[in-house]
Amino acid sequence: MSELALMIPIVAIVGGIGAGMLKSHYKHKEKMMGHMSVDQMAELEQMSKVADILDQRVNVLERILDDEVPNWRDNPANRNQSARETGHDKTI
């Protein structure tokens, strides 16, 4: 009986502390995930626009390479060889 009398307060204390820590953890997680400042939103929008522009540039460069060096995607070793053969080797 004395063991049970000792266990009940220990479980209550540990449970209360654990519940508080758990609540604090999820409250912090929700705060970090759900809310962005106006500056962060503007920066994210700007980075998204830059990423779109860079994606368009890569697509244009890939189309140019597809026209000038048809097999450029096949093998990296062949790319150097075909560039030398076509005169597009721009080594410095």
Protein backbone atom coordinates (compact mmCIF):
# COMPACT_ATOMS: atom_id res chain seq x y z
CA MET A 1 0.00 0.00 0.00
CA SER A 2 2.87 2.40 0.72
CA GLU A 3 4.25 1.78 -2.81
CA LEU A 4 0.93 2.81 -4.34
CA ALA A 5 0.80 5.90 -2.13
CA LEU A 6 4.26 6.87 -3.41
CA MET A 7 3.57 6.07 -7.08
CA ILE A 8 0.41 8.17 -7.42
CA PRO A 9 2.11 11.54 -6.71
CA ILE A 10 5.14 10.60 -8.84
CA VAL A 11 2.94 9.69 -11.82
CA ALA A 12 0.89 12.87 -11.35
CA ILE A 13 4.00 15.07 -11.25
CA VAL A 14 5.71 13.38 -14.21
CA GLY A 15 2.46 13.38 -16.19
CA GLY A 16 1.90 17.08 -15.51
CA ILE A 17 5.43 18.03 -16.49
CA GLY A 18 5.29 15.81 -19.58
CA ALA A 19 1.96 17.27 -20.68
CA GLY A 20 3.28 20.81 -20.25
CA MET A 21 6.40 20.04 -22.25
CA LEU A 22 4.35 18.39 -25.00
CA LYS A 23 1.98 21.35 -25.18
CA SER A 24 4.90 23.77 -25.32
CA HIS A 25 6.59 21.76 -28.09
CA TYR A 26 3.55 21.71 -30.37
CA LYS A 27 2.71 25.34 -29.66
CA HIS A 28 6.24 26.34 -30.73
CA LYS A 29 6.08 24.09 -33.78
CA GLU A 30 2.75 25.61 -34.88
CA LYS A 31 4.11 29.10 -34.35
CA MET A 32 7.17 28.42 -36.50
CA MET A 33 5.28 26.69 -39.31
CA GLY A 34 2.20 28.83 -39.62
CA HIS A 35 3.35 32.39 -39.35
CA MET A 36 5.72 34.27 -41.59
CA SER A 37 6.47 37.94 -41.29
CA VAL A 38 5.72 40.37 -44.10
CA ASP A 39 9.44 40.61 -44.86
CA GLN A 40 9.76 36.83 -45.05
CA MET A 41 6.77 36.61 -47.40
CA ALA A 42 8.24 39.32 -49.66
CA GLU A 43 11.62 37.59 -49.69
CA LEU A 44 9.99 34.26 -50.49
CA GLU A 45 8.05 35.84 -53.36
CA GLN A 46 11.22 37.45 -54.72
CA MET A 47 13.13 34.15 -54.52
CA SER A 48 10.27 32.41 -56.30
CA LYS A 49 10.44 34.94 -59.15
CA VAL A 50 14.22 34.51 -59.43
CA ALA A 51 13.79 30.73 -59.49
CA ASP A 52 11.24 31.03 -62.32
CA ILE A 53 13.61 33.25 -64.34
CA LEU A 54 16.50 30.83 -63.81
CA ASP A 55 14.30 27.91 -64.82
CA GLN A 56 13.39 29.71 -68.05
CA ARG A 57 17.07 30.39 -68.76
CA VAL A 58 18.00 26.76 -68.22
CA ASN A 59 15.22 25.68 -70.58
CA VAL A 60 16.47 28.07 -73.28
CA LEU A 61 20.05 26.84 -72.85
CA GLU A 62 18.91 23.23 -73.08
CA ARG A 63 17.02 23.99 -76.31
CA ILE A 64 20.12 25.64 -77.77
CA LEU A 65 22.22 22.64 -76.81
CA ASP A 66 19.63 20.27 -78.27
CA ASP A 67 19.89 22.13 -81.60
CA GLU A 68 23.67 22.49 -81.70
CA VAL A 69 24.82 19.30 -79.93
CA PRO A 70 22.02 16.72 -80.32
CA ASN A 71 23.56 14.04 -78.05
CA TRP A 72 24.76 16.30 -75.26
CA ARG A 73 22.59 14.54 -72.67
CA ASP A 74 23.90 11.03 -73.41
CA ASN A 75 27.38 10.77 -71.92
CA PRO A 76 29.60 13.40 -70.28
CA ALA A 77 32.72 12.00 -71.99
CA ASN A 78 31.08 12.31 -75.41
CA ARG A 79 30.10 15.92 -74.75
CA ASN A 80 33.71 17.06 -74.67
CA GLN A 81 34.53 15.12 -77.82
CA SER A 82 31.55 16.42 -79.81
CA ALA A 83 32.26 19.99 -78.69
CA ARG A 84 35.82 19.73 -79.99
CA GLU A 85 34.62 18.25 -83.27
CA THR A 86 32.05 20.97 -83.91
CA GLY A 87 34.37 23.79 -82.89
CA HIS A 88 32.28 24.77 -79.86
CA ASP A 89 35.05 23.95 -77.42
CA LYS A 90 35.61 27.16 -75.47
CA THR A 91 38.45 26.16 -73.21
CA ILE A 92 40.42 28.96 -71.62
